[in-house]
Amino acid sequence: MKTLVFLITTLSLGLQLQAAEPKTKKYEGEVAGIFCSACSSHVKAALMTIDGVQSVKITTAPKNGLPKLFITSQSDQPMTQEMAIKALGEKAKIFHIQSLKPITP
């Protein structure tokens, strides 16, 4: 009987933990003003301060294009372009988030 109660309790807790885990959301955008790895590092560091952001990746710009921005977040609140710009603070005068949209799985 004790074993049955233990198993039911364990399963119940496991289901509660799975339900409480936030879903990972991915976003893609473009950012202007990045010309070197130091520029990229400044933007990444600023965006990592947004609540829930797990990772930020910036790819090099294709010919005649802008660098791509990829953000992974576990926040319940959707990420917006305005949030990213606000996170840049004073650096928003140099680096311009041109677009930011969710990537649908």
C-alpha atoms as a PDB file:
ATOM      1  CA  MET A   1       0.000   0.000   0.000  1.00  0.00           C
ATOM      2  CA  LYS A   2       2.814   2.395   0.886  1.00  0.00           C
ATOM      3  CA  THR A   3       4.452   1.635  -2.458  1.00  0.00           C
ATOM      4  CA  LEU A   4       1.242   2.474  -4.326  1.00  0.00           C
ATOM      5  CA  VAL A   5       0.867   5.799  -2.485  1.00  0.00           C
ATOM      6  CA  PHE A   6       4.528   6.596  -3.206  1.00  0.00           C
ATOM      7  CA  LEU A   7       4.106   5.856  -6.913  1.00  0.00           C
ATOM      8  CA  ILE A   8       0.955   7.963  -7.213  1.00  0.00           C
ATOM      9  CA  THR A   9       2.594  10.859  -5.373  1.00  0.00           C
ATOM     10  CA  THR A  10       5.714  10.647  -7.530  1.00  0.00           C
ATOM     11  CA  LEU A  11       3.701  10.591 -10.757  1.00  0.00           C
ATOM     12  CA  SER A  12       1.554  13.489  -9.578  1.00  0.00           C
ATOM     13  CA  LEU A  13       4.604  15.616  -8.759  1.00  0.00           C
ATOM     14  CA  GLY A  14       6.225  14.737 -12.073  1.00  0.00           C
ATOM     15  CA  LEU A  15       3.158  15.881 -14.010  1.00  0.00           C
ATOM     16  CA  GLN A  16       3.004  19.119 -12.030  1.00  0.00           C
ATOM     17  CA  LEU A  17       6.660  19.861 -12.761  1.00  0.00           C
ATOM     18  CA  GLN A  18       6.191  19.257 -16.486  1.00  0.00           C
ATOM     19  CA  ALA A  19       3.192  21.591 -16.569  1.00  0.00           C
ATOM     20  CA  ALA A  20       5.144  24.306 -14.736  1.00  0.00           C
ATOM     21  CA  GLU A  21       8.092  24.310 -17.153  1.00  0.00           C
ATOM     22  CA  PRO A  22       7.956  27.345 -19.458  1.00  0.00           C
ATOM     23  CA  LYS A  23       7.947  26.739 -23.184  1.00  0.00           C
ATOM     24  CA  THR A  24      10.935  27.824 -25.191  1.00  0.00           C
ATOM     25  CA  LYS A  25      10.122  30.510 -27.736  1.00  0.00           C
ATOM     26  CA  LYS A  26      12.346  31.519 -30.627  1.00  0.00           C
ATOM     27  CA  TYR A  27      12.523  34.864 -32.389  1.00  0.00           C
ATOM     28  CA  GLU A  28      14.240  36.023 -35.563  1.00  0.00           C
ATOM     29  CA  GLY A  29      15.061  39.500 -36.736  1.00  0.00           C
ATOM     30  CA  GLU A  30      17.598  41.781 -38.324  1.00  0.00           C
ATOM     31  CA  VAL A  31      19.894  44.308 -36.716  1.00  0.00           C
ATOM     32  CA  ALA A  32      21.759  47.173 -38.392  1.00  0.00           C
ATOM     33  CA  GLY A  33      24.979  48.769 -37.181  1.00  0.00           C
ATOM     34  CA  ILE A  34      26.955  45.606 -36.466  1.00  0.00           C
ATOM     35  CA  PHE A  35      30.312  45.650 -38.201  1.00  0.00           C
ATOM     36  CA  CYS A  36      32.533  43.524 -35.973  1.00  0.00           C
ATOM     37  CA  SER A  37      32.524  40.955 -33.176  1.00  0.00           C
ATOM     38  CA  ALA A  38      32.722  43.683 -30.522  1.00  0.00           C
ATOM     39  CA  CYS A  39      29.529  45.248 -31.904  1.00  0.00           C
ATOM     40  CA  SER A  40      27.878  41.850 -31.833  1.00  0.00           C
ATOM     41  CA  SER A  41      28.984  41.310 -28.235  1.00  0.00           C
ATOM     42  CA  HIS A  42      27.454  44.630 -27.129  1.00  0.00           C
ATOM     43  CA  VAL A  43      24.088  43.749 -28.678  1.00  0.00           C
ATOM     44  CA  LYS A  44      24.129  40.203 -27.265  1.00  0.00           C
ATOM     45  CA  ALA A  45      24.954  41.432 -23.756  1.00  0.00           C
ATOM     46  CA  ALA A  46      22.142  43.990 -23.846  1.00  0.00           C
ATOM     47  CA  LEU A  47      19.553  41.508 -25.120  1.00  0.00           C
ATOM     48  CA  MET A  48      20.570  38.906 -22.528  1.00  0.00           C
ATOM     49  CA  THR A  49      19.336  41.311 -19.825  1.00  0.00           C
ATOM     50  CA  ILE A  50      15.720  40.799 -20.987  1.00  0.00           C
ATOM     51  CA  ASP A  51      13.826  38.583 -18.564  1.00  0.00           C
ATOM     52  CA  GLY A  52      13.674  34.980 -19.770  1.00  0.00           C
ATOM     53  CA  VAL A  53      16.224  35.272 -22.594  1.00  0.00           C
ATOM     54  CA  GLN A  54      18.284  32.085 -22.766  1.00  0.00           C
ATOM     55  CA  SER A  55      20.487  32.818 -25.780  1.00  0.00           C
ATOM     56  CA  VAL A  56      21.206  35.402 -28.443  1.00  0.00           C
ATOM     57  CA  LYS A  57      22.921  34.620 -31.729  1.00  0.00           C
ATOM     58  CA  ILE A  58      23.880  37.119 -34.410  1.00  0.00           C
ATOM     59  CA  THR A  59      25.021  35.906 -37.817  1.00  0.00           C
ATOM     60  CA  THR A  60      27.253  37.837 -40.167  1.00  0.00           C
ATOM     61  CA  ALA A  61      25.484  39.914 -42.768  1.00  0.00           C
ATOM     62  CA  PRO A  62      24.988  38.427 -46.200  1.00  0.00           C
ATOM     63  CA  LYS A  63      26.127  40.556 -49.118  1.00  0.00           C
ATOM     64  CA  ASN A  64      23.858  43.621 -49.339  1.00  0.00           C
ATOM     65  CA  GLY A  65      21.907  42.515 -46.254  1.00  0.00           C
ATOM     66  CA  LEU A  66      21.732  42.904 -42.510  1.00  0.00           C
ATOM     67  CA  PRO A  67      22.999  40.550 -39.806  1.00  0.00           C
ATOM     68  CA  LYS A  68      20.345  38.100 -38.606  1.00  0.00           C
ATOM     69  CA  LEU A  69      19.356  38.039 -34.953  1.00  0.00           C
ATOM     70  CA  PHE A  70      18.137  34.852 -33.240  1.00  0.00           C
ATOM     71  CA  ILE A  71      16.791  34.948 -29.670  1.00  0.00           C
ATOM     72  CA  THR A  72      15.673  32.024 -27.523  1.00  0.00           C
ATOM     73  CA  SER A  73      13.468  32.887 -24.550  1.00  0.00           C
ATOM     74  CA  GLN A  74      11.526  31.077 -21.850  1.00  0.00           C
ATOM     75  CA  SER A  75       9.481  34.078 -20.795  1.00  0.00           C
ATOM     76  CA  ASP A  76       5.709  33.856 -20.672  1.00  0.00           C
ATOM     77  CA  GLN A  77       5.580  37.348 -22.140  1.00  0.00           C
ATOM     78  CA  PRO A  78       6.115  37.504 -25.921  1.00  0.00           C
ATOM     79  CA  MET A  79       9.224  39.392 -26.965  1.00  0.00           C
ATOM     80  CA  THR A  80       8.699  42.493 -29.076  1.00  0.00           C
ATOM     81  CA  GLN A  81      10.922  44.706 -31.162  1.00  0.00           C
ATOM     82  CA  GLU A  82      10.249  47.512 -28.678  1.00  0.00           C
ATOM     83  CA  MET A  83      11.515  45.362 -25.791  1.00  0.00           C
ATOM     84  CA  ALA A  84      14.738  44.635 -27.685  1.00  0.00           C
ATOM     85  CA  ILE A  85      15.242  48.326 -28.485  1.00  0.00           C
ATOM     86  CA  LYS A  86      14.613  49.271 -24.847  1.00  0.00           C
ATOM     87  CA  ALA A  87      17.189  46.685 -23.709  1.00  0.00           C
ATOM     88  CA  LEU A  88      19.796  48.320 -25.950  1.00  0.00           C
ATOM     89  CA  GLY A  89      19.336  51.607 -24.082  1.00  0.00           C
ATOM     90  CA  GLU A  90      21.842  54.219 -25.269  1.00  0.00           C
ATOM     91  CA  LYS A  91      23.296  51.676 -27.706  1.00  0.00           C
ATOM     92  CA  ALA A  92      20.030  51.899 -29.672  1.00  0.00           C
ATOM     93  CA  LYS A  93      21.518  55.028 -31.232  1.00  0.00           C
ATOM     94  CA  ILE A  94      24.193  52.826 -32.848  1.00  0.00           C
ATOM     95  CA  PHE A  95      22.502  49.448 -33.293  1.00  0.00           C
ATOM     96  CA  HIS A  96      19.041  49.336 -34.849  1.00  0.00           C
ATOM     97  CA  ILE A  97      16.734  46.353 -34.426  1.00  0.00           C
ATOM     98  CA  GLN A  98      15.048  46.418 -37.837  1.00  0.00           C
ATOM     99  CA  SER A  99      12.659  43.534 -37.193  1.00  0.00           C
ATOM    100  CA  LEU A 100      11.854  40.874 -34.632  1.00  0.00           C
ATOM    101  CA  LYS A 101       9.204  38.195 -35.024  1.00  0.00           C
ATOM    102  CA  PRO A 102       8.444  34.827 -33.477  1.00  0.00           C
ATOM    103  CA  ILE A 103       9.557  31.714 -35.310  1.00  0.00           C
ATOM    104  CA  THR A 104       6.694  29.233 -35.406  1.00  0.00           C
ATOM    105  CA  PRO A 105       7.696  25.617 -34.790  1.00  0.00           C
END
